[in-house]
Amino acid sequence: MSSSAVPNSGPAVPAAPSVRRSGLTWWKVLVTSAVGVAVVNLTVLALAKLAGASLIVVDGSEEHPVTVGGVIGASVVPLVVGTGAALLMALWKPVFLQIAQYVGGGLALLSVAGPLSSGADGGTVAALSLMHITLGVAVVTTLKLHRRHH
C-alpha cells in the first residue's frame, strides 16, 4: 500500500440541493386566502354603498339587505369548505388540486347568475357579481400557489 493516498476529500457524489418549501402549510394558505377574500369583498361592499347601490336583493316579494355578516359568510364559508376539502384530498392524491381549480373557479363563475337574475339595481348586481368573481379568483389562485410550492 502506498502512503500517497489522498485523504477523504468528501463524498464522491455531490449532495442534491435541498428542496425549498413555502413557509405556509395548507391550513395557513387557507386562512390567508379566507381573510383576503373577505377583505376584498368587504371593500367592494363599501365601495358599492358609497356609489349609491341599494344593496337590497329582491326574492319574490321579500327584500334581503346585503350585510357585512352576509358578505363575510358568503365569501369565507364556500372558500374554506371547497378549498379546504381540495387541500385535504391533495394530501392523498395531489391531482385534486388541479381538479378543484377548475371546479371551484367554474362554480364561482356560474354563481354569478344569481346576482344577474336577482332583480336588484345595477350597482348591487355589479357589486355582487364582482364578489362572486373574486371568490372564484381566490379559489383558483390559492390552489395554484399551493401546487407551485409543493
Protein backbone atom coordinates (compact mmCIF):
# COMPACT_ATOMS: atom_id res chain seq x y z
CA MET A 1 0.00 0.00 0.00
CA SER A 2 1.20 3.43 -0.86
CA SER A 3 1.32 6.28 1.58
CA SER A 4 0.41 8.75 -1.14
CA ALA A 5 -3.32 8.07 -0.79
CA VAL A 6 -5.48 11.17 -0.91
CA PRO A 7 -7.21 11.93 2.39
CA ASN A 8 -11.00 11.86 2.44
CA SER A 9 -12.00 14.75 0.20
CA GLY A 10 -15.74 14.44 0.68
CA PRO A 11 -18.45 12.36 -0.90
CA ALA A 12 -17.94 11.09 -4.42
CA VAL A 13 -21.43 12.26 -5.42
CA PRO A 14 -22.38 15.86 -4.66
CA ALA A 15 -25.36 16.26 -2.37
CA ALA A 16 -28.63 17.15 -4.06
CA PRO A 17 -29.78 20.70 -3.41
CA SER A 18 -32.37 20.88 -0.71
CA VAL A 19 -35.93 21.49 -1.80
CA ARG A 20 -37.13 24.83 -0.57
CA ARG A 21 -40.74 24.73 0.52
CA SER A 22 -43.06 27.59 1.23
CA GLY A 23 -43.36 28.53 4.88
CA LEU A 24 -47.15 28.30 4.56
CA THR A 25 -48.76 24.98 5.35
CA TRP A 26 -52.08 24.06 3.72
CA TRP A 27 -54.12 25.44 6.61
CA LYS A 28 -52.17 28.70 6.69
CA VAL A 29 -52.77 29.11 2.96
CA LEU A 30 -56.47 28.51 3.56
CA VAL A 31 -56.74 31.02 6.41
CA THR A 32 -54.76 33.65 4.48
CA SER A 33 -56.98 33.18 1.45
CA ALA A 34 -60.18 33.37 3.51
CA VAL A 35 -59.09 36.59 5.18
CA GLY A 36 -58.00 38.03 1.83
CA VAL A 37 -61.28 37.30 0.03
CA ALA A 38 -63.29 38.67 2.96
CA VAL A 39 -61.30 41.91 2.95
CA VAL A 40 -61.63 42.34 -0.82
CA ASN A 41 -65.36 41.61 -0.80
CA LEU A 42 -65.97 43.95 2.15
CA THR A 43 -64.12 46.63 0.21
CA VAL A 44 -66.40 46.01 -2.77
CA LEU A 45 -69.40 46.28 -0.42
CA ALA A 46 -68.16 49.59 0.99
CA LEU A 47 -67.49 51.00 -2.48
CA ALA A 48 -70.93 49.92 -3.68
CA LYS A 49 -72.52 51.62 -0.70
CA LEU A 50 -70.51 54.81 -1.38
CA ALA A 51 -71.57 54.66 -5.04
CA GLY A 52 -75.23 54.62 -4.03
CA ALA A 53 -76.15 50.98 -4.68
CA SER A 54 -79.23 49.93 -2.72
CA LEU A 55 -77.62 46.64 -1.64
CA ILE A 56 -81.08 45.09 -1.48
CA VAL A 57 -81.78 41.79 -3.23
CA VAL A 58 -85.42 41.10 -4.04
CA ASP A 59 -86.52 37.47 -3.83
CA GLY A 60 -90.14 37.18 -4.84
CA SER A 61 -91.87 39.71 -2.62
CA GLU A 62 -89.17 39.72 0.06
CA GLU A 63 -86.27 42.15 0.26
CA HIS A 64 -82.95 40.93 1.61
CA PRO A 65 -80.32 43.51 2.50
CA VAL A 66 -76.68 42.72 1.73
CA THR A 67 -74.92 42.95 5.10
CA VAL A 68 -71.33 42.76 6.31
CA GLY A 69 -72.04 39.45 8.03
CA GLY A 70 -73.68 38.07 4.91
CA VAL A 71 -70.71 39.07 2.76
CA ILE A 72 -68.22 37.50 5.18
CA GLY A 73 -70.26 34.29 5.40
CA ALA A 74 -70.84 34.03 1.66
CA SER A 75 -67.16 34.70 0.98
CA VAL A 76 -65.44 32.63 3.63
CA VAL A 77 -67.66 29.54 4.02
CA PRO A 78 -67.55 28.36 0.38
CA LEU A 79 -63.84 29.09 0.14
CA VAL A 80 -62.95 27.26 3.34
CA VAL A 81 -65.20 24.27 2.66
CA GLY A 82 -64.35 23.78 -1.02
CA THR A 83 -60.69 24.73 -1.00
CA GLY A 84 -60.14 23.08 2.37
CA ALA A 85 -61.60 19.83 1.07
CA ALA A 86 -59.37 20.01 -2.01
CA LEU A 87 -56.26 20.69 0.10
CA LEU A 88 -57.05 17.78 2.39
CA MET A 89 -57.75 15.42 -0.53
CA ALA A 90 -54.48 16.55 -2.14
CA LEU A 91 -52.61 15.14 0.84
CA TRP A 92 -53.79 11.78 -0.51
CA LYS A 93 -53.73 12.50 -4.27
CA PRO A 94 -52.15 15.79 -5.47
CA VAL A 95 -54.24 15.76 -8.67
CA PHE A 96 -57.19 17.01 -6.61
CA LEU A 97 -55.60 20.47 -6.51
CA GLN A 98 -55.81 20.86 -10.27
CA ILE A 99 -59.31 19.40 -10.48
CA ALA A 100 -60.51 21.70 -7.71
CA GLN A 101 -59.06 24.72 -9.50
CA TYR A 102 -61.33 24.11 -12.48
CA VAL A 103 -64.37 23.03 -10.48
CA GLY A 104 -64.12 25.79 -7.86
CA GLY A 105 -63.42 28.54 -10.35
CA GLY A 106 -66.18 27.32 -12.62
CA LEU A 107 -68.76 27.09 -9.84
CA ALA A 108 -67.94 30.60 -8.64
CA LEU A 109 -68.36 31.96 -12.17
CA LEU A 110 -71.62 30.07 -12.64
CA SER A 111 -72.89 31.52 -9.36
CA VAL A 112 -72.76 34.98 -10.93
CA ALA A 113 -76.10 34.04 -12.49
CA GLY A 114 -77.69 34.61 -9.06
CA PRO A 115 -76.94 38.33 -8.84
CA LEU A 116 -77.62 38.80 -12.55
CA SER A 117 -81.14 37.42 -12.14
CA SER A 118 -81.84 38.99 -8.74
CA GLY A 119 -83.85 41.98 -9.92
CA ALA A 120 -81.66 44.33 -7.89
CA ASP A 121 -80.42 47.70 -9.08
CA GLY A 122 -77.37 47.88 -11.34
CA GLY A 123 -74.92 48.85 -8.60
CA THR A 124 -75.99 45.96 -6.39
CA VAL A 125 -75.82 43.50 -9.28
CA ALA A 126 -72.35 44.74 -10.24
CA ALA A 127 -71.07 44.54 -6.65
CA LEU A 128 -72.46 41.06 -6.01
CA SER A 129 -71.19 39.79 -9.37
CA LEU A 130 -67.73 41.14 -8.59
CA MET A 131 -67.81 39.42 -5.20
CA HIS A 132 -68.62 36.08 -6.85
CA ILE A 133 -65.80 36.54 -9.37
CA THR A 134 -63.41 37.49 -6.54
CA LEU A 135 -64.25 34.25 -4.77
CA GLY A 136 -63.53 32.26 -7.93
CA VAL A 137 -60.20 34.01 -8.41
CA ALA A 138 -59.32 33.35 -4.76
CA VAL A 139 -60.05 29.63 -5.11
CA VAL A 140 -58.02 29.25 -8.29
CA THR A 141 -55.12 31.38 -7.02
CA THR A 142 -54.97 29.67 -3.62
CA LEU A 143 -54.82 26.21 -5.14
CA LYS A 144 -52.35 27.26 -7.83
CA LEU A 145 -49.98 28.82 -5.29
CA HIS A 146 -50.23 25.75 -3.08
CA ARG A 147 -49.48 23.49 -6.08
CA ARG A 148 -46.40 25.52 -7.03
CA HIS A 149 -44.91 25.37 -3.57
CA HIS A 150 -45.42 21.66 -3.01
